[in-house]
Amino acid sequence: PSPTVSPTVTPTDSPTLLFASATAEVVRTVPNAKQGTKCKGSADVEITLGRKSRSLFKCQQKCIKDELCMAMQYVSPKHCSLYYNNVQKRNAGNDDTYCGKIQEEEITPSPTVSPTVTPTDSPTLLFASATAEVVRTVPNAKQGTKCKGSADVEITLGRKSRSLFKCQQKCIKDELCMAMQYVSPKHCSLYYNNVQKRNAGNDDTYCGKIQEEEITPSPTVSP
């Protein structure tokens, strides 16, 4: 009998690729967009983000999807700069400024019939925690919003973990967490109830809800 094909995650709009753009060999990520830093040098592309795209997340995506981009800078609320040179240094900046560099990592082919998603620190899982059936993401942490209600867990992020990215990871890895709120530079709140409403907040506040998606197994190969 022919072997059953393992469940796969396709390189379309998969939740596991919200912060990564993958080919058959390389995964591109921006895992280190550090708050309070600005990229040294002149940008090659200047982008004014639209009203529905004004976030660090959207600026990182612009760089990831541009194969020439080696670094990005986001200045809240709407300025996104792409750098085609390898930015060697980041200078001190304001709290509303983030500079991040692209990281590229080769994907090692799996010896099984098809590639599988494992709950390891794979670059494609920087914003997702996956089991064999479910992928958890926080794709909608919106700047200028605060979560309604009382948080169940309050976290003060360490000096090297002070970012929206780290707060989202805290929620994704906690199976009880249904929403998170990040207040720059170091406050992270986790909500175990399903937050139904987000209120207007300051520019340094982000509220995001967990999304869960089941991985559909591929059909069995015909004989």
N, C-alpha and C. Protein backbone atom coordinates (compact mmCIF):
# COMPACT_ATOMS: atom_id res chain seq x y z
N PRO A 1 0.84 -1.21 0.00
CA PRO A 1 0.00 0.00 0.00
C PRO A 1 0.87 1.25 0.00
N SER A 2 0.38 2.31 -0.64
CA SER A 2 1.13 3.57 -0.68
C SER A 2 1.09 4.25 0.67
N PRO A 3 2.16 5.00 1.03
CA PRO A 3 2.19 5.67 2.34
C PRO A 3 1.22 6.84 2.36
N THR A 4 0.65 7.09 3.56
CA THR A 4 -0.24 8.24 3.73
C THR A 4 0.59 9.52 3.80
N VAL A 5 0.14 10.55 3.12
CA VAL A 5 0.86 11.82 3.14
C VAL A 5 0.62 12.50 4.47
N SER A 6 1.68 13.00 5.09
CA SER A 6 1.56 13.66 6.38
C SER A 6 0.83 14.99 6.22
N PRO A 7 0.16 15.50 7.31
CA PRO A 7 -0.48 16.82 7.23
C PRO A 7 0.55 17.88 6.89
N THR A 8 0.19 18.83 6.05
CA THR A 8 1.12 19.88 5.65
C THR A 8 0.51 21.24 5.84
N VAL A 9 1.38 22.25 5.95
CA VAL A 9 0.94 23.64 5.94
C VAL A 9 1.44 24.26 4.65
N THR A 10 0.56 24.75 3.80
CA THR A 10 0.95 25.25 2.50
C THR A 10 1.47 26.67 2.60
N PRO A 11 2.37 27.10 1.67
CA PRO A 11 2.96 28.44 1.72
C PRO A 11 2.05 29.49 1.14
N THR A 12 0.73 29.39 1.39
CA THR A 12 -0.19 30.45 0.99
C THR A 12 -0.35 31.39 2.17
N ASP A 13 -1.57 31.88 2.43
CA ASP A 13 -1.77 32.77 3.56
C ASP A 13 -1.89 31.98 4.85
N SER A 14 -0.97 31.07 5.08
CA SER A 14 -0.99 30.23 6.26
C SER A 14 -0.65 31.07 7.49
N PRO A 15 -1.34 30.85 8.63
CA PRO A 15 -1.03 31.60 9.84
C PRO A 15 0.42 31.44 10.28
N THR A 16 1.05 30.31 9.95
CA THR A 16 2.43 30.10 10.37
C THR A 16 3.39 30.98 9.59
N LEU A 17 2.92 31.62 8.54
CA LEU A 17 3.81 32.44 7.72
C LEU A 17 3.50 33.93 7.84
N LEU A 18 2.81 34.33 8.88
CA LEU A 18 2.46 35.73 9.03
C LEU A 18 3.70 36.61 9.19
N PHE A 19 4.73 36.05 9.76
CA PHE A 19 5.98 36.80 9.89
C PHE A 19 7.12 36.15 9.13
N ALA A 20 6.81 35.33 8.14
CA ALA A 20 7.84 34.69 7.35
C ALA A 20 7.37 34.49 5.92
N SER A 21 8.29 34.64 5.00
CA SER A 21 7.99 34.36 3.60
C SER A 21 8.91 33.23 3.17
N ALA A 22 8.35 32.11 2.74
CA ALA A 22 9.15 30.90 2.51
C ALA A 22 9.16 30.49 1.05
N THR A 23 10.32 30.05 0.59
CA THR A 23 10.44 29.35 -0.68
C THR A 23 10.72 27.90 -0.34
N ALA A 24 11.13 27.11 -1.33
CA ALA A 24 11.43 25.72 -1.05
C ALA A 24 12.69 25.57 -0.21
N GLU A 25 13.53 26.63 -0.14
CA GLU A 25 14.81 26.49 0.53
C GLU A 25 15.05 27.50 1.64
N VAL A 26 14.43 28.68 1.57
CA VAL A 26 14.79 29.76 2.48
C VAL A 26 13.56 30.34 3.17
N VAL A 27 13.71 30.63 4.45
CA VAL A 27 12.68 31.34 5.22
C VAL A 27 13.25 32.71 5.62
N ARG A 28 12.48 33.78 5.34
CA ARG A 28 12.88 35.14 5.70
C ARG A 28 12.02 35.62 6.88
N THR A 29 12.67 36.17 7.91
CA THR A 29 11.96 36.68 9.07
C THR A 29 12.59 38.01 9.51
N VAL A 30 11.83 38.75 10.34
CA VAL A 30 12.35 39.96 11.00
C VAL A 30 12.07 39.80 12.50
N PRO A 31 12.85 38.94 13.17
CA PRO A 31 12.54 38.63 14.56
C PRO A 31 13.06 39.65 15.57
N ASN A 32 13.83 40.64 15.11
CA ASN A 32 14.56 41.49 16.04
C ASN A 32 14.30 42.97 15.84
N ALA A 33 13.07 43.35 15.46
CA ALA A 33 12.73 44.77 15.32
C ALA A 33 12.67 45.39 16.71
N LYS A 34 13.69 46.10 17.07
CA LYS A 34 13.87 46.56 18.45
C LYS A 34 13.32 47.97 18.63
N GLN A 35 12.47 48.12 19.65
CA GLN A 35 11.90 49.43 19.93
C GLN A 35 12.97 50.39 20.44
N GLY A 36 12.84 51.67 20.06
CA GLY A 36 13.78 52.69 20.52
C GLY A 36 15.08 52.71 19.75
N THR A 37 15.10 52.06 18.56
CA THR A 37 16.29 52.10 17.71
C THR A 37 15.92 52.58 16.31
N LYS A 38 16.87 53.22 15.64
CA LYS A 38 16.68 53.63 14.25
C LYS A 38 17.82 53.09 13.41
N CYS A 39 17.50 52.70 12.18
CA CYS A 39 18.51 52.12 11.29
C CYS A 39 19.47 53.22 10.81
N LYS A 40 20.74 52.88 10.78
CA LYS A 40 21.75 53.83 10.32
C LYS A 40 21.82 53.82 8.80
N GLY A 41 21.90 54.99 8.18
CA GLY A 41 22.02 55.09 6.74
C GLY A 41 20.72 55.56 6.09
N SER A 42 20.73 55.63 4.76
CA SER A 42 19.57 56.11 3.99
C SER A 42 18.75 54.94 3.48
N ALA A 43 17.44 55.06 3.60
CA ALA A 43 16.54 54.01 3.13
C ALA A 43 16.44 54.04 1.60
N ASP A 44 16.14 52.90 1.01
CA ASP A 44 15.96 52.79 -0.43
C ASP A 44 14.50 52.97 -0.84
N VAL A 45 13.59 52.63 0.07
CA VAL A 45 12.17 52.77 -0.22
C VAL A 45 11.48 53.39 0.99
N GLU A 46 10.67 54.43 0.75
CA GLU A 46 9.89 55.06 1.81
C GLU A 46 8.40 54.79 1.54
N ILE A 47 7.69 54.24 2.53
CA ILE A 47 6.29 53.86 2.37
C ILE A 47 5.45 54.57 3.43
N THR A 48 4.35 55.19 2.99
CA THR A 48 3.36 55.71 3.94
C THR A 48 2.23 54.69 4.02
N LEU A 49 2.11 54.06 5.17
CA LEU A 49 1.13 52.98 5.34
C LEU A 49 -0.29 53.54 5.37
N GLY A 50 -1.21 52.80 4.74
CA GLY A 50 -2.61 53.20 4.74
C GLY A 50 -3.24 53.09 6.11
N ARG A 51 -4.44 53.63 6.27
CA ARG A 51 -5.09 53.70 7.58
C ARG A 51 -5.28 52.32 8.21
N LYS A 52 -5.55 51.30 7.39
CA LYS A 52 -5.78 49.96 7.92
C LYS A 52 -4.50 49.13 8.01
N SER A 53 -3.37 49.73 7.65
CA SER A 53 -2.11 48.98 7.63
C SER A 53 -1.05 49.63 8.50
N ARG A 54 -1.45 50.47 9.41
CA ARG A 54 -0.48 51.22 10.21
C ARG A 54 -0.06 50.43 11.44
N SER A 55 0.97 49.63 11.27
CA SER A 55 1.48 48.82 12.38
C SER A 55 2.89 48.35 12.07
N LEU A 56 3.62 47.99 13.11
CA LEU A 56 4.94 47.39 12.95
C LEU A 56 4.84 46.11 12.13
N PHE A 57 3.82 45.32 12.40
CA PHE A 57 3.60 44.06 11.69
C PHE A 57 3.55 44.26 10.17
N LYS A 58 2.79 45.25 9.70
CA LYS A 58 2.64 45.48 8.28
C LYS A 58 3.96 45.94 7.65
N CYS A 59 4.73 46.74 8.37
CA CYS A 59 6.02 47.20 7.85
C CYS A 59 6.99 46.02 7.74
N GLN A 60 7.00 45.15 8.73
CA GLN A 60 7.84 43.95 8.66
C GLN A 60 7.46 43.09 7.45
N GLN A 61 6.16 42.95 7.21
CA GLN A 61 5.71 42.17 6.06
C GLN A 61 6.21 42.77 4.74
N LYS A 62 6.21 44.11 4.64
CA LYS A 62 6.68 44.77 3.42
C LYS A 62 8.13 44.36 3.13
N CYS A 63 8.95 44.31 4.16
CA CYS A 63 10.36 43.96 3.98
C CYS A 63 10.52 42.48 3.66
N ILE A 64 9.79 41.63 4.37
CA ILE A 64 9.89 40.19 4.16
C ILE A 64 9.55 39.81 2.72
N LYS A 65 8.52 40.45 2.17
CA LYS A 65 8.04 40.11 0.83
C LYS A 65 8.86 40.74 -0.29
N ASP A 66 9.73 41.70 0.04
CA ASP A 66 10.61 42.32 -0.95
C ASP A 66 11.96 41.61 -0.86
N GLU A 67 12.31 40.83 -1.85
CA GLU A 67 13.52 40.00 -1.78
C GLU A 67 14.80 40.82 -1.70
N LEU A 68 14.75 42.10 -2.08
CA LEU A 68 15.93 42.96 -1.99
C LEU A 68 16.11 43.56 -0.60
N CYS A 69 15.06 43.54 0.20
CA CYS A 69 15.08 44.21 1.49
C CYS A 69 15.93 43.44 2.50
N MET A 70 16.84 44.17 3.16
CA MET A 70 17.70 43.57 4.18
C MET A 70 17.40 44.08 5.58
N ALA A 71 16.68 45.21 5.66
CA ALA A 71 16.32 45.78 6.97
C ALA A 71 15.13 46.71 6.78
N MET A 72 14.40 46.96 7.89
CA MET A 72 13.25 47.85 7.84
C MET A 72 13.23 48.75 9.08
N GLN A 73 12.60 49.90 8.91
CA GLN A 73 12.40 50.81 10.04
C GLN A 73 10.96 51.28 10.04
N TYR A 74 10.32 51.15 11.20
CA TYR A 74 8.94 51.60 11.35
C TYR A 74 8.91 52.74 12.36
N VAL A 75 8.29 53.86 11.95
CA VAL A 75 8.08 54.99 12.85
C VAL A 75 6.57 55.17 12.99
N SER A 76 6.08 54.90 14.18
CA SER A 76 4.64 54.98 14.43
C SER A 76 4.11 56.40 14.15
N PRO A 77 2.94 56.54 13.52
CA PRO A 77 2.00 55.46 13.23
C PRO A 77 2.04 54.93 11.81
N LYS A 78 2.74 55.59 10.84
CA LYS A 78 2.51 55.22 9.45
C LYS A 78 3.74 55.20 8.55
N HIS A 79 4.92 55.43 9.07
CA HIS A 79 6.10 55.52 8.21
C HIS A 79 6.90 54.21 8.22
N CYS A 80 7.13 53.66 7.04
CA CYS A 80 7.85 52.39 6.88
C CYS A 80 8.97 52.60 5.86
N SER A 81 10.20 52.29 6.25
CA SER A 81 11.36 52.46 5.37
C SER A 81 12.03 51.11 5.14
N LEU A 82 12.38 50.83 3.90
CA LEU A 82 13.06 49.59 3.55
C LEU A 82 14.50 49.88 3.13
N TYR A 83 15.42 49.04 3.59
CA TYR A 83 16.85 49.21 3.30
C TYR A 83 17.33 48.00 2.51
N TYR A 84 17.94 48.26 1.36
CA TYR A 84 18.44 47.18 0.52
C TYR A 84 19.89 46.83 0.85
N ASN A 85 20.55 47.63 1.66
CA ASN A 85 21.91 47.29 2.13
C ASN A 85 21.81 46.61 3.48
N ASN A 86 22.86 45.92 3.85
CA ASN A 86 22.90 45.22 5.14
C ASN A 86 23.24 46.22 6.24
N VAL A 87 22.22 46.69 6.94
CA VAL A 87 22.42 47.68 8.00
C VAL A 87 23.27 47.07 9.12
N GLN A 88 24.45 47.65 9.33
CA GLN A 88 25.38 47.10 10.31
C GLN A 88 25.15 47.63 11.72
N LYS A 89 24.51 48.82 11.80
CA LYS A 89 24.40 49.46 13.11
C LYS A 89 23.03 50.07 13.29
N ARG A 90 22.54 49.99 14.52
CA ARG A 90 21.31 50.67 14.89
C ARG A 90 21.62 51.72 15.95
N ASN A 91 21.14 52.93 15.73
CA ASN A 91 21.36 54.02 16.68
C ASN A 91 20.16 54.14 17.62
N ALA A 92 20.35 54.84 18.72
CA ALA A 92 19.25 55.09 19.64
C ALA A 92 18.21 55.98 18.97
N GLY A 93 16.94 55.66 19.18
CA GLY A 93 15.84 56.43 18.61
C GLY A 93 14.75 56.67 19.64
N ASN A 94 13.63 57.20 19.19
CA ASN A 94 12.50 57.45 20.08
C ASN A 94 11.73 56.15 20.32
N ASP A 95 10.82 56.18 21.29
CA ASP A 95 10.03 54.99 21.62
C ASP A 95 9.12 54.55 20.48
N ASP A 96 8.81 55.45 19.54
CA ASP A 96 7.90 55.10 18.44
C ASP A 96 8.65 54.58 17.21
N THR A 97 9.96 54.32 17.36
CA THR A 97 10.79 53.90 16.23
C THR A 97 11.33 52.49 16.46
N TYR A 98 11.24 51.66 15.41
CA TYR A 98 11.71 50.28 15.46
C TYR A 98 12.59 50.01 14.25
N CYS A 99 13.78 49.47 14.46
CA CYS A 99 14.65 49.05 13.36
C CYS A 99 14.87 47.54 13.47
N GLY A 100 14.66 46.83 12.37
CA GLY A 100 14.84 45.38 12.37
C GLY A 100 15.55 44.89 11.13
N LYS A 101 16.32 43.82 11.29
CA LYS A 101 17.08 43.26 10.18
C LYS A 101 16.48 41.93 9.74
N ILE A 102 16.56 41.67 8.46
CA ILE A 102 16.12 40.39 7.90
C ILE A 102 17.06 39.27 8.34
N GLN A 103 16.47 38.14 8.68
CA GLN A 103 17.25 36.92 8.90
C GLN A 103 16.76 35.87 7.91
N GLU A 104 17.70 35.19 7.28
CA GLU A 104 17.36 34.14 6.33
C GLU A 104 17.93 32.81 6.82
N GLU A 105 17.11 31.78 6.72
CA GLU A 105 17.54 30.46 7.18
C GLU A 105 17.08 29.41 6.19
N GLU A 106 17.99 28.52 5.85
CA GLU A 106 17.64 27.46 4.91
C GLU A 106 16.79 26.40 5.59
N ILE A 107 15.80 25.90 4.86
CA ILE A 107 14.95 24.82 5.35
C ILE A 107 15.62 23.49 5.02
N THR A 108 15.82 22.67 6.02
CA THR A 108 16.39 21.34 5.80
C THR A 108 15.27 20.39 5.41
N PRO A 109 15.33 19.78 4.23
CA PRO A 109 14.25 18.88 3.81
C PRO A 109 14.06 17.73 4.79
N SER A 110 12.83 17.39 5.04
CA SER A 110 12.51 16.28 5.94
C SER A 110 12.67 14.96 5.19
N PRO A 111 13.15 13.92 5.86
CA PRO A 111 13.29 12.62 5.19
C PRO A 111 11.96 11.89 5.02
N THR A 112 10.85 12.48 5.57
CA THR A 112 9.55 11.83 5.43
C THR A 112 8.96 12.13 4.06
N VAL A 113 7.76 11.60 3.82
CA VAL A 113 7.11 11.75 2.51
C VAL A 113 6.87 13.21 2.20
N SER A 114 6.47 14.01 3.19
CA SER A 114 6.22 15.43 2.97
C SER A 114 6.63 16.20 4.20
N PRO A 115 6.93 17.51 4.06
CA PRO A 115 7.33 18.32 5.22
C PRO A 115 6.19 18.42 6.22
N THR A 116 6.53 18.43 7.49
CA THR A 116 5.53 18.54 8.54
C THR A 116 5.85 19.73 9.43
N VAL A 117 4.83 20.23 10.12
CA VAL A 117 5.02 21.31 11.08
C VAL A 117 5.18 20.70 12.46
N THR A 118 6.27 21.04 13.14
CA THR A 118 6.48 20.55 14.49
C THR A 118 6.51 21.73 15.44
N PRO A 119 6.16 21.50 16.73
CA PRO A 119 6.11 22.61 17.67
C PRO A 119 7.49 22.98 18.20
N THR A 120 8.48 23.14 17.31
CA THR A 120 9.81 23.56 17.70
C THR A 120 9.95 25.04 17.39
N ASP A 121 11.17 25.58 17.55
CA ASP A 121 11.39 26.99 17.27
C ASP A 121 11.72 27.20 15.80
N SER A 122 10.93 26.64 14.92
CA SER A 122 11.11 26.85 13.49
C SER A 122 10.89 28.30 13.15
N PRO A 123 11.67 28.90 12.24
CA PRO A 123 11.45 30.31 11.88
C PRO A 123 10.04 30.57 11.38
N THR A 124 9.39 29.59 10.77
CA THR A 124 8.03 29.82 10.28
C THR A 124 7.02 29.86 11.41
N LEU A 125 7.46 29.54 12.63
CA LEU A 125 6.54 29.52 13.75
C LEU A 125 6.83 30.64 14.74
N LEU A 126 7.49 31.71 14.29
CA LEU A 126 7.80 32.80 15.19
C LEU A 126 6.55 33.45 15.76
N PHE A 127 5.45 33.39 15.00
CA PHE A 127 4.20 33.94 15.49
C PHE A 127 3.12 32.88 15.59
N ALA A 128 3.50 31.61 15.69
CA ALA A 128 2.49 30.57 15.78
C ALA A 128 3.01 29.42 16.62
N SER A 129 2.10 28.81 17.33
CA SER A 129 2.42 27.60 18.08
C SER A 129 1.52 26.50 17.54
N ALA A 130 2.12 25.43 17.03
CA ALA A 130 1.33 24.43 16.31
C ALA A 130 1.36 23.07 16.99
N THR A 131 0.22 22.39 16.97
CA THR A 131 0.15 20.97 17.30
C THR A 131 -0.12 20.25 15.99
N ALA A 132 -0.45 19.00 16.07
CA ALA A 132 -0.73 18.26 14.84
C ALA A 132 -2.03 18.74 14.20
N GLU A 133 -2.88 19.47 14.97
CA GLU A 133 -4.18 19.83 14.45
C GLU A 133 -4.46 21.33 14.43
N VAL A 134 -3.87 22.10 15.33
CA VAL A 134 -4.27 23.50 15.50
C VAL A 134 -3.05 24.42 15.44
N VAL A 135 -3.22 25.56 14.76
CA VAL A 135 -2.22 26.62 14.73
C VAL A 135 -2.81 27.85 15.42
N ARG A 136 -2.08 28.42 16.39
CA ARG A 136 -2.52 29.62 17.11
C ARG A 136 -1.71 30.82 16.66
N THR A 137 -2.38 31.93 16.36
CA THR A 137 -1.70 33.15 15.92
C THR A 137 -2.36 34.37 16.56
N VAL A 138 -1.65 35.51 16.51
CA VAL A 138 -2.22 36.80 16.90
C VAL A 138 -1.97 37.76 15.74
N PRO A 139 -2.74 37.63 14.65
CA PRO A 139 -2.45 38.41 13.45
C PRO A 139 -3.00 39.83 13.48
N ASN A 140 -3.78 40.18 14.51
CA ASN A 140 -4.54 41.41 14.47
C ASN A 140 -4.29 42.32 15.65
N ALA A 141 -3.06 42.34 16.18
CA ALA A 141 -2.75 43.24 17.30
C ALA A 141 -2.71 44.67 16.77
N LYS A 142 -3.75 45.41 17.03
CA LYS A 142 -3.95 46.71 16.40
C LYS A 142 -3.43 47.84 17.29
N GLN A 143 -2.60 48.68 16.68
CA GLN A 143 -2.05 49.82 17.42
C GLN A 143 -3.16 50.82 17.76
N GLY A 144 -3.05 51.44 18.94
CA GLY A 144 -4.03 52.45 19.34
C GLY A 144 -5.31 51.87 19.91
N THR A 145 -5.30 50.57 20.27
CA THR A 145 -6.48 49.95 20.88
C THR A 145 -6.08 49.30 22.21
N LYS A 146 -7.04 49.24 23.13
CA LYS A 146 -6.83 48.54 24.39
C LYS A 146 -7.95 47.53 24.58
N CYS A 147 -7.62 46.39 25.17
CA CYS A 147 -8.59 45.32 25.38
C CYS A 147 -9.57 45.70 26.49
N LYS A 148 -10.84 45.42 26.28
CA LYS A 148 -11.85 45.73 27.27
C LYS A 148 -11.89 44.62 28.32
N GLY A 149 -11.98 45.01 29.59
CA GLY A 149 -12.06 44.04 30.66
C GLY A 149 -10.76 43.94 31.45
N SER A 150 -10.75 43.02 32.41
CA SER A 150 -9.59 42.84 33.30
C SER A 150 -8.73 41.67 32.83
N ALA A 151 -7.43 41.88 32.84
CA ALA A 151 -6.50 40.83 32.42
C ALA A 151 -6.38 39.76 33.50
N ASP A 152 -6.07 38.54 33.09
CA ASP A 152 -5.86 37.44 34.02
C ASP A 152 -4.40 37.29 34.44
N VAL A 153 -3.49 37.74 33.57
CA VAL A 153 -2.05 37.66 33.86
C VAL A 153 -1.41 38.98 33.46
N GLU A 154 -0.61 39.54 34.36
CA GLU A 154 0.15 40.76 34.08
C GLU A 154 1.63 40.42 34.08
N ILE A 155 2.33 40.77 32.99
CA ILE A 155 3.74 40.42 32.85
C ILE A 155 4.56 41.70 32.62
N THR A 156 5.65 41.84 33.35
CA THR A 156 6.62 42.90 33.08
C THR A 156 7.76 42.29 32.29
N LEU A 157 7.88 42.66 31.04
CA LEU A 157 8.88 42.06 30.15
C LEU A 157 10.28 42.51 30.53
N GLY A 158 11.23 41.56 30.45
CA GLY A 158 12.63 41.88 30.73
C GLY A 158 13.23 42.81 29.69
N ARG A 159 14.39 43.34 29.99
CA ARG A 159 15.01 44.35 29.11
C ARG A 159 15.23 43.85 27.69
N LYS A 160 15.55 42.56 27.54
CA LYS A 160 15.81 42.01 26.21
C LYS A 160 14.54 41.45 25.56
N SER A 161 13.41 41.57 26.22
CA SER A 161 12.17 41.00 25.69
C SER A 161 11.07 42.06 25.56
N ARG A 162 11.43 43.32 25.52
CA ARG A 162 10.45 44.39 25.50
C ARG A 162 10.02 44.71 24.08
N SER A 163 8.99 43.99 23.62
CA SER A 163 8.48 44.22 22.27
C SER A 163 7.08 43.63 22.14
N LEU A 164 6.34 44.12 21.16
CA LEU A 164 5.03 43.56 20.83
C LEU A 164 5.17 42.08 20.49
N PHE A 165 6.21 41.74 19.73
CA PHE A 165 6.47 40.36 19.32
C PHE A 165 6.54 39.41 20.52
N LYS A 166 7.28 39.79 21.56
CA LYS A 166 7.45 38.92 22.73
C LYS A 166 6.13 38.76 23.49
N CYS A 167 5.34 39.83 23.55
CA CYS A 167 4.05 39.74 24.24
C CYS A 167 3.10 38.81 23.49
N GLN A 168 3.10 38.91 22.16
CA GLN A 168 2.27 38.01 21.36
C GLN A 168 2.70 36.56 21.58
N GLN A 169 3.99 36.31 21.64
CA GLN A 169 4.48 34.96 21.89
C GLN A 169 4.00 34.41 23.23
N LYS A 170 3.98 35.27 24.26
CA LYS A 170 3.51 34.83 25.58
C LYS A 170 2.09 34.31 25.50
N CYS A 171 1.23 35.01 24.75
CA CYS A 171 -0.16 34.61 24.62
C CYS A 171 -0.29 33.33 23.79
N ILE A 172 0.43 33.26 22.69
CA ILE A 172 0.36 32.10 21.80
C ILE A 172 0.76 30.82 22.53
N LYS A 173 1.77 30.89 23.38
CA LYS A 173 2.29 29.70 24.05
C LYS A 173 1.47 29.31 25.29
N ASP A 174 0.58 30.21 25.74
CA ASP A 174 -0.29 29.91 26.87
C ASP A 174 -1.63 29.46 26.31
N GLU A 175 -1.95 28.19 26.43
CA GLU A 175 -3.14 27.63 25.80
C GLU A 175 -4.44 28.22 26.33
N LEU A 176 -4.41 28.84 27.51
CA LEU A 176 -5.60 29.47 28.07
C LEU A 176 -5.81 30.89 27.54
N CYS A 177 -4.78 31.47 26.97
CA CYS A 177 -4.84 32.86 26.54
C CYS A 177 -5.70 33.03 25.29
N MET A 178 -6.63 33.97 25.34
CA MET A 178 -7.51 34.26 24.21
C MET A 178 -7.25 35.64 23.61
N ALA A 179 -6.54 36.50 24.35
CA ALA A 179 -6.21 37.84 23.84
C ALA A 179 -5.04 38.39 24.64
N MET A 180 -4.34 39.38 24.05
CA MET A 180 -3.20 40.00 24.73
C MET A 180 -3.23 41.51 24.51
N GLN A 181 -2.61 42.21 25.45
CA GLN A 181 -2.44 43.66 25.31
C GLN A 181 -1.01 44.02 25.64
N TYR A 182 -0.39 44.77 24.74
CA TYR A 182 0.99 45.23 24.95
C TYR A 182 0.98 46.75 25.08
N VAL A 183 1.57 47.25 26.17
CA VAL A 183 1.75 48.68 26.35
C VAL A 183 3.24 48.95 26.40
N SER A 184 3.73 49.64 25.39
CA SER A 184 5.17 49.90 25.27
C SER A 184 5.67 50.72 26.48
N PRO A 185 6.85 50.41 27.02
CA PRO A 185 7.80 49.46 26.44
C PRO A 185 7.81 48.06 27.06
N LYS A 186 7.11 47.82 28.20
CA LYS A 186 7.38 46.55 28.89
C LYS A 186 6.16 45.86 29.51
N HIS A 187 4.97 46.37 29.31
CA HIS A 187 3.79 45.78 29.97
C HIS A 187 3.04 44.86 29.02
N CYS A 188 2.83 43.62 29.44
CA CYS A 188 2.14 42.61 28.65
C CYS A 188 1.03 41.98 29.50
N SER A 189 -0.20 42.03 29.00
CA SER A 189 -1.35 41.49 29.73
C SER A 189 -1.98 40.37 28.93
N LEU A 190 -2.32 39.27 29.60
CA LEU A 190 -2.97 38.13 28.96
C LEU A 190 -4.41 37.99 29.47
N TYR A 191 -5.32 37.72 28.53
CA TYR A 191 -6.74 37.59 28.86
C TYR A 191 -7.19 36.17 28.54
N TYR A 192 -7.79 35.51 29.53
CA TYR A 192 -8.26 34.14 29.34
C TYR A 192 -9.71 34.09 28.86
N ASN A 193 -10.39 35.22 28.86
CA ASN A 193 -11.74 35.28 28.30
C ASN A 193 -11.67 35.77 26.87
N ASN A 194 -12.71 35.55 26.12
CA ASN A 194 -12.76 35.98 24.72
C ASN A 194 -13.13 37.46 24.66
N VAL A 195 -12.15 38.31 24.51
CA VAL A 195 -12.37 39.76 24.48
C VAL A 195 -13.24 40.11 23.28
N GLN A 196 -14.42 40.65 23.54
CA GLN A 196 -15.38 40.94 22.47
C GLN A 196 -15.18 42.33 21.89
N LYS A 197 -14.56 43.22 22.65
CA LYS A 197 -14.49 44.61 22.20
C LYS A 197 -13.13 45.20 22.51
N ARG A 198 -12.65 46.04 21.60
CA ARG A 198 -11.43 46.81 21.82
C ARG A 198 -11.78 48.29 21.85
N ASN A 199 -11.31 48.99 22.86
CA ASN A 199 -11.56 50.42 22.96
C ASN A 199 -10.38 51.20 22.41
N ALA A 200 -10.61 52.49 22.15
CA ALA A 200 -9.52 53.35 21.68
C ALA A 200 -8.48 53.52 22.78
N GLY A 201 -7.22 53.47 22.40
CA GLY A 201 -6.12 53.63 23.35
C GLY A 201 -5.05 54.56 22.81
N ASN A 202 -3.93 54.63 23.51
CA ASN A 202 -2.82 55.46 23.07
C ASN A 202 -2.02 54.76 21.98
N ASP A 203 -1.13 55.50 21.32
CA ASP A 203 -0.32 54.93 20.23
C ASP A 203 0.62 53.83 20.72
N ASP A 204 0.91 53.80 22.03
CA ASP A 204 1.84 52.78 22.55
C ASP A 204 1.11 51.52 23.03
N THR A 205 -0.20 51.40 22.73
CA THR A 205 -1.00 50.28 23.21
C THR A 205 -1.51 49.45 22.05
N TYR A 206 -1.39 48.13 22.18
CA TYR A 206 -1.83 47.19 21.15
C TYR A 206 -2.69 46.11 21.81
N CYS A 207 -3.87 45.86 21.26
CA CYS A 207 -4.72 44.76 21.72
C CYS A 207 -4.90 43.77 20.57
N GLY A 208 -4.70 42.50 20.84
CA GLY A 208 -4.82 41.48 19.79
C GLY A 208 -5.51 40.24 20.31
N LYS A 209 -6.26 39.58 19.44
CA LYS A 209 -7.00 38.38 19.80
C LYS A 209 -6.36 37.15 19.15
N ILE A 210 -6.42 36.04 19.86
CA ILE A 210 -5.93 34.76 19.34
C ILE A 210 -6.86 34.27 18.23
N GLN A 211 -6.25 33.75 17.17
CA GLN A 211 -7.00 33.02 16.15
C GLN A 211 -6.46 31.60 16.09
N GLU A 212 -7.36 30.64 16.03
CA GLU A 212 -6.97 29.24 15.94
C GLU A 212 -7.49 28.65 14.63
N GLU A 213 -6.63 27.91 13.96
CA GLU A 213 -7.01 27.31 12.68
C GLU A 213 -6.57 25.86 12.65
N GLU A 214 -7.47 25.00 12.26
CA GLU A 214 -7.14 23.58 12.16
C GLU A 214 -6.37 23.31 10.88
N ILE A 215 -5.37 22.43 10.98
CA ILE A 215 -4.63 22.00 9.80
C ILE A 215 -5.37 20.82 9.19
N THR A 216 -5.73 20.96 7.93
CA THR A 216 -6.46 19.90 7.24
C THR A 216 -5.48 18.90 6.65
N PRO A 217 -5.54 17.64 7.05
CA PRO A 217 -4.61 16.64 6.48
C PRO A 217 -4.83 16.48 4.98
N SER A 218 -3.74 16.28 4.26
CA SER A 218 -3.83 16.04 2.82
C SER A 218 -4.45 14.66 2.57
N PRO A 219 -5.14 14.47 1.45
CA PRO A 219 -5.75 13.17 1.17
C PRO A 219 -4.70 12.08 0.95
N THR A 220 -5.10 10.85 1.19
CA THR A 220 -4.21 9.72 1.00
C THR A 220 -3.87 9.55 -0.48
N VAL A 221 -2.58 9.24 -0.71
CA VAL A 221 -2.13 9.05 -2.10
C VAL A 221 -2.80 7.82 -2.69
N SER A 222 -3.31 7.96 -3.89
CA SER A 222 -3.96 6.83 -4.54
C SER A 222 -2.96 5.76 -4.93
N PRO A 223 -3.38 4.49 -4.97
CA PRO A 223 -2.44 3.41 -5.33
C PRO A 223 -1.93 3.59 -6.74
